[in-house]
C-alpha atoms as a PDB file:
ATOM      1  CA  GLY A   1      -0.043   0.070   0.036  1.00  0.00           C
ATOM      2  CA  TYR A   2       2.335   2.872   0.543  1.00  0.00           C
ATOM      3  CA  GLY A   3       4.263   2.640  -2.637  1.00  0.00           C
ATOM      4  CA  ILE A   4       7.648   1.377  -0.841  1.00  0.00           C
ATOM      5  CA  THR A   5       7.512  -2.154  -2.455  1.00  0.00           C
ATOM      6  CA  ASP A   6       7.087  -0.217  -5.739  1.00  0.00           C
ATOM      7  CA  SER A   7      10.030   1.909  -5.242  1.00  0.00           C
ATOM      8  CA  TRP A   8      11.946  -1.167  -4.365  1.00  0.00           C
ATOM      9  CA  ASP A   9      10.717  -2.763  -7.385  1.00  0.00           C
ATOM     10  CA  GLU A  10      12.184  -0.371  -9.638  1.00  0.00           C
ATOM     11  CA  ILE A  11      15.402  -0.117  -8.189  1.00  0.00           C
ATOM     12  CA  VAL A  12      15.790  -3.879  -8.366  1.00  0.00           C
ATOM     13  CA  GLU A  13      14.595  -3.632 -12.127  1.00  0.00           C
ATOM     14  CA  THR A  14      16.805  -0.541 -12.875  1.00  0.00           C
ATOM     15  CA  MET A  15      19.966  -2.523 -11.072  1.00  0.00           C
ATOM     16  CA  GLN A  16      19.135  -5.849 -13.497  1.00  0.00           C
ATOM     17  CA  GLY A  17      19.546  -3.801 -16.338  1.00  0.00           C
ATOM     18  CA  ALA A  18      22.813  -1.900 -15.463  1.00  0.00           C
ATOM     19  CA  PRO A  19      25.958  -3.360 -16.572  1.00  0.00           C
ATOM     20  CA  VAL A  20      27.867  -5.004 -13.612  1.00  0.00           C
ATOM     21  CA  SER A  21      30.770  -3.187 -12.665  1.00  0.00           C
ATOM     22  CA  THR A  22      34.048  -5.172 -11.873  1.00  0.00           C
ATOM     23  CA  ASP A  23      36.741  -3.935  -9.282  1.00  0.00           C
ATOM     24  CA  THR A  24      38.830  -3.024 -12.068  1.00  0.00           C
ATOM     25  CA  GLU A  25      36.302  -0.546 -13.399  1.00  0.00           C
ATOM     26  CA  LEU A  26      35.702   0.871  -9.954  1.00  0.00           C
ATOM     27  CA  GLY A  27      39.364   0.951  -9.417  1.00  0.00           C
ATOM     28  CA  GLY A  28      40.040   3.135 -12.501  1.00  0.00           C
ATOM     29  CA  TYR A  29      36.935   5.332 -11.688  1.00  0.00           C
ATOM     30  CA  VAL A  30      38.555   6.110  -8.383  1.00  0.00           C
ATOM     31  CA  ARG A  31      42.224   6.900  -9.958  1.00  0.00           C
ATOM     32  CA  GLU A  32      40.674   9.080 -12.379  1.00  0.00           C
ATOM     33  CA  PHE A  33      38.559  11.122  -9.765  1.00  0.00           C
ATOM     34  CA  GLU A  34      41.858  11.249  -7.407  1.00  0.00           C
ATOM     35  CA  THR A  35      43.836  12.463 -10.621  1.00  0.00           C
ATOM     36  CA  ARG A  36      41.230  15.082 -11.101  1.00  0.00           C
ATOM     37  CA  VAL A  37      41.241  16.073  -7.640  1.00  0.00           C
ATOM     38  CA  ARG A  38      44.970  16.227  -7.353  1.00  0.00           C
ATOM     39  CA  GLN A  39      45.046  18.245 -10.641  1.00  0.00           C
ATOM     40  CA  ASP A  40      42.375  20.501  -9.289  1.00  0.00           C
ATOM     41  CA  MET A  41      44.777  21.468  -5.774  1.00  0.00           C
ATOM     42  CA  ASP A  42      47.693  21.813  -7.950  1.00  0.00           C
ATOM     43  CA  GLU A  43      45.937  24.485  -9.684  1.00  0.00           C
ATOM     44  CA  ILE A  44      44.785  25.841  -6.172  1.00  0.00           C
ATOM     45  CA  ASP A  45      47.920  25.867  -4.993  1.00  0.00           C
ATOM     46  CA  THR A  46      49.710  27.652  -7.956  1.00  0.00           C
ATOM     47  CA  ARG A  47      47.089  30.364  -7.920  1.00  0.00           C
ATOM     48  CA  LEU A  48      47.357  30.828  -4.100  1.00  0.00           C
ATOM     49  CA  ASP A  49      51.281  30.904  -4.345  1.00  0.00           C
ATOM     50  CA  ASP A  50      50.530  33.878  -7.540  1.00  0.00           C
ATOM     51  CA  GLU A  51      48.358  35.632  -5.374  1.00  0.00           C
ATOM     52  CA  GLN A  52      50.716  35.416  -2.467  1.00  0.00           C
ATOM     53  CA  THR A  53      53.493  36.604  -4.526  1.00  0.00           C
ATOM     54  CA  GLU A  54      51.584  39.640  -6.040  1.00  0.00           C
ATOM     55  CA  ARG A  55      50.800  40.565  -2.420  1.00  0.00           C
ATOM     56  CA  GLN A  56      54.639  40.269  -1.435  1.00  0.00           C
ATOM     57  CA  LEU A  57      55.394  42.606  -4.516  1.00  0.00           C
ATOM     58  CA  LEU A  58      52.846  45.099  -3.651  1.00  0.00           C
ATOM     59  CA  ALA A  59      53.991  45.231  -0.022  1.00  0.00           C
ATOM     60  CA  GLY A  60      57.825  45.722  -1.120  1.00  0.00           C
ATOM     61  CA  ARG A  61      56.535  48.791  -3.393  1.00  0.00           C
ATOM     62  CA  LEU A  62      54.688  50.135  -0.470  1.00  0.00           C
ATOM     63  CA  ASN A  63      57.800  49.700   1.483  1.00  0.00           C
ATOM     64  CA  MET A  64      59.779  51.377  -1.145  1.00  0.00           C
ATOM     65  CA  LEU A  65      57.647  54.551  -1.243  1.00  0.00           C
ATOM     66  CA  PHE A  66      57.987  55.017   2.248  1.00  0.00           C
ATOM     67  CA  ARG A  67      61.645  54.648   2.294  1.00  0.00           C
ATOM     68  CA  ASP A  68      61.341  57.427  -0.838  1.00  0.00           C
ATOM     69  CA  ARG A  69      58.984  59.510   0.582  1.00  0.00           C
ATOM     70  CA  ARG A  70      61.700  60.183   3.803  1.00  0.00           C
ATOM     71  CA  ALA A  71      64.190  61.048   1.010  1.00  0.00           C
ATOM     72  CA  HIS A  72      61.737  63.027  -0.941  1.00  0.00           C
ATOM     73  CA  ALA A  73      61.371  65.288   2.435  1.00  0.00           C
ATOM     74  CA  TYR A  74      64.953  65.172   2.937  1.00  0.00           C
ATOM     75  CA  THR A  75      65.848  66.805  -0.407  1.00  0.00           C
ATOM     76  CA  ARG A  76      62.930  68.883  -0.519  1.00  0.00           C
ATOM     77  CA  GLN A  77      64.356  70.592   2.907  1.00  0.00           C
ATOM     78  CA  LEU A  78      67.943  70.603   1.385  1.00  0.00           C
ATOM     79  CA  MET A  79      66.396  72.183  -1.791  1.00  0.00           C
ATOM     80  CA  GLU A  80      64.492  75.017   0.755  1.00  0.00           C
ATOM     81  CA  THR A  81      67.805  75.661   2.810  1.00  0.00           C
ATOM     82  CA  GLU A  82      69.608  76.155  -0.717  1.00  0.00           C
ATOM     83  CA  ALA A  83      66.778  78.587  -1.975  1.00  0.00           C
ATOM     84  CA  ARG A  84      67.030  80.575   1.107  1.00  0.00           C
ATOM     85  CA  MET A  85      70.726  80.833   1.373  1.00  0.00           C
ATOM     86  CA  SER A  86      70.487  82.057  -2.589  1.00  0.00           C
ATOM     87  CA  ARG A  87      68.279  84.808  -1.635  1.00  0.00           C
ATOM     88  CA  GLU A  88      69.951  85.888   1.487  1.00  0.00           C
ATOM     89  CA  ASP A  89      73.400  85.972  -0.735  1.00  0.00           C
ATOM     90  CA  TRP A  90      71.556  87.921  -3.568  1.00  0.00           C
ATOM     91  CA  ALA A  91      70.321  90.285  -0.855  1.00  0.00           C
ATOM     92  CA  LEU A  92      74.122  90.897   0.322  1.00  0.00           C
ATOM     93  CA  ALA A  93      75.540  90.966  -3.353  1.00  0.00           C
ATOM     94  CA  THR A  94      72.818  93.669  -4.172  1.00  0.00           C
ATOM     95  CA  ASP A  95      73.733  95.779  -1.125  1.00  0.00           C
ATOM     96  CA  ALA A  96      77.615  95.609  -1.706  1.00  0.00           C
ATOM     97  CA  SER A  97      76.915  96.128  -5.183  1.00  0.00           C
ATOM     98  CA  ASP A  98      74.748  99.482  -4.159  1.00  0.00           C
ATOM     99  CA  LEU A  99      77.475 100.430  -1.847  1.00  0.00           C
ATOM    100  CA  VAL A 100      80.239 100.201  -4.441  1.00  0.00           C
ATOM    101  CA  HIS A 101      78.461 102.128  -7.169  1.00  0.00           C
ATOM    102  CA  GLY A 102      77.077 104.655  -4.822  1.00  0.00           C
ATOM    103  CA  GLU A 103      80.785 105.126  -3.765  1.00  0.00           C
ATOM    104  CA  GLY A 104      82.213 105.346  -7.266  1.00  0.00           C
ATOM    105  CA  LEU A 105      79.611 108.204  -8.559  1.00  0.00           C
ATOM    106  CA  ALA A 106      80.789 109.993  -5.270  1.00  0.00           C
ATOM    107  CA  GLY A 107      84.039 110.485  -6.553  1.00  0.00           C
ATOM    108  CA  ASP A 108      82.828 111.061 -10.069  1.00  0.00           C
ATOM    109  CA  PRO A 109      83.681 114.980 -10.960  1.00  0.00           C
ATOM    110  CA  THR A 110      80.320 114.694 -13.362  1.00  0.00           C
ATOM    111  CA  GLN A 111      78.416 114.455 -10.287  1.00  0.00           C
ATOM    112  CA  PRO A 112      79.082 117.737  -8.141  1.00  0.00           C
ATOM    113  CA  GLU A 113      75.923 117.029  -6.275  1.00  0.00           C
ATOM    114  CA  LEU A 114      77.188 113.780  -5.053  1.00  0.00           C
ATOM    115  CA  GLN A 115      80.516 115.050  -4.188  1.00  0.00           C
ATOM    116  CA  GLU A 116      79.358 117.805  -1.898  1.00  0.00           C
ATOM    117  CA  GLU A 117      77.002 114.903  -0.189  1.00  0.00           C
ATOM    118  CA  ALA A 118      80.027 112.810  -0.015  1.00  0.00           C
ATOM    119  CA  GLY A 119      81.977 115.716   1.807  1.00  0.00           C
ATOM    120  CA  GLY A 120      83.901 116.811  -0.957  1.00  0.00           C
ATOM    121  CA  SER A 121      83.946 120.593  -2.621  1.00  0.00           C
ATOM    122  CA  ALA A 122      82.958 121.513  -6.432  1.00  0.00           C
END
């Protein structure tokens, strides 16, 4: 009544029509399955290794950027110091030139007003 017997009968009929597997055939299927699993595992391991290598490369680049950042900051500081010193030197050179130029004009006989300012007589 419950259909259980009918299900068992169908299973038995299906099995009776199916070819009989030998241990050799079953062993072949197991070896093939094992080979596929190994190949898949090898591929997974290779991909993981590639990913790890990529991460190591990125970490190395990041570390290099941090080191470069310090070097660039030091270079910037040197350049700013050099620029400041150049401005100071330019100001001193300009002042010195003005002094030399001013004294030269004071001794020039074509500029009597400058000679008077310098303490000379015309």
